[in-house]
């Protein structure tokens, strides 16, 4: 009887000490950045009502707002970042990396990987926004896909499922005029974008593997 109690206690300990994450088993070397249930370790900028959680996904719908990872794993420099995404029709969103929290406005630091399959903005999903633009729609709306962003020193690669859409080596560029954007690689965190009230975008299974 004593052995059974000890075995039961060990099993309970192993379950409670296993890190929580949303979705399937993590790929080798990856860690989850979200528990799939709360906003713990994430911070919303302006218009917090633009964000909700449903069925293990962040849901972006409403006036401009950004959801930043502010947990203990940040900052990130070289990594493979993966998130599962879905868009409703005519929806726009984005994934920022090497960025940092700001209270309002479009993020000025880091790069944006576009999430937009059919919105009026012609820059489609996977674009390295205003740096390497993709004008072909590769992913249909109302379909889940995995967006993978790899940063290794000055090299950026963006994949949609198994399709590479951006393979970019950063080089010195003239400063952006718009909003004093600071588009260059250094280090930072990730954030997701709620673009406008007419757009609905889902993000789930947020995970990362460091390459440092």
Foldseek 3Di string as FASTA:
>chain_A
DVVVVVVVVVVVVVVVPDDAFDDDDDDPQKDFLDNLPDLPQKDKAPPPVQWDGDPSKIKGAAAKMKIWRRDPVDKAAFKKKKKKKAWAAQAWKWKFFQFEDDRDDDTQEEWIQIDAQHHPPQFHGRARPPPRGDRDRDDDHPDIWMWIWGDDPQWIWIDTHNRTDDTDGDDDDDFDPPPRHHYGGDIGTMMMIRHHNVIIMIIGRIMMHGPD
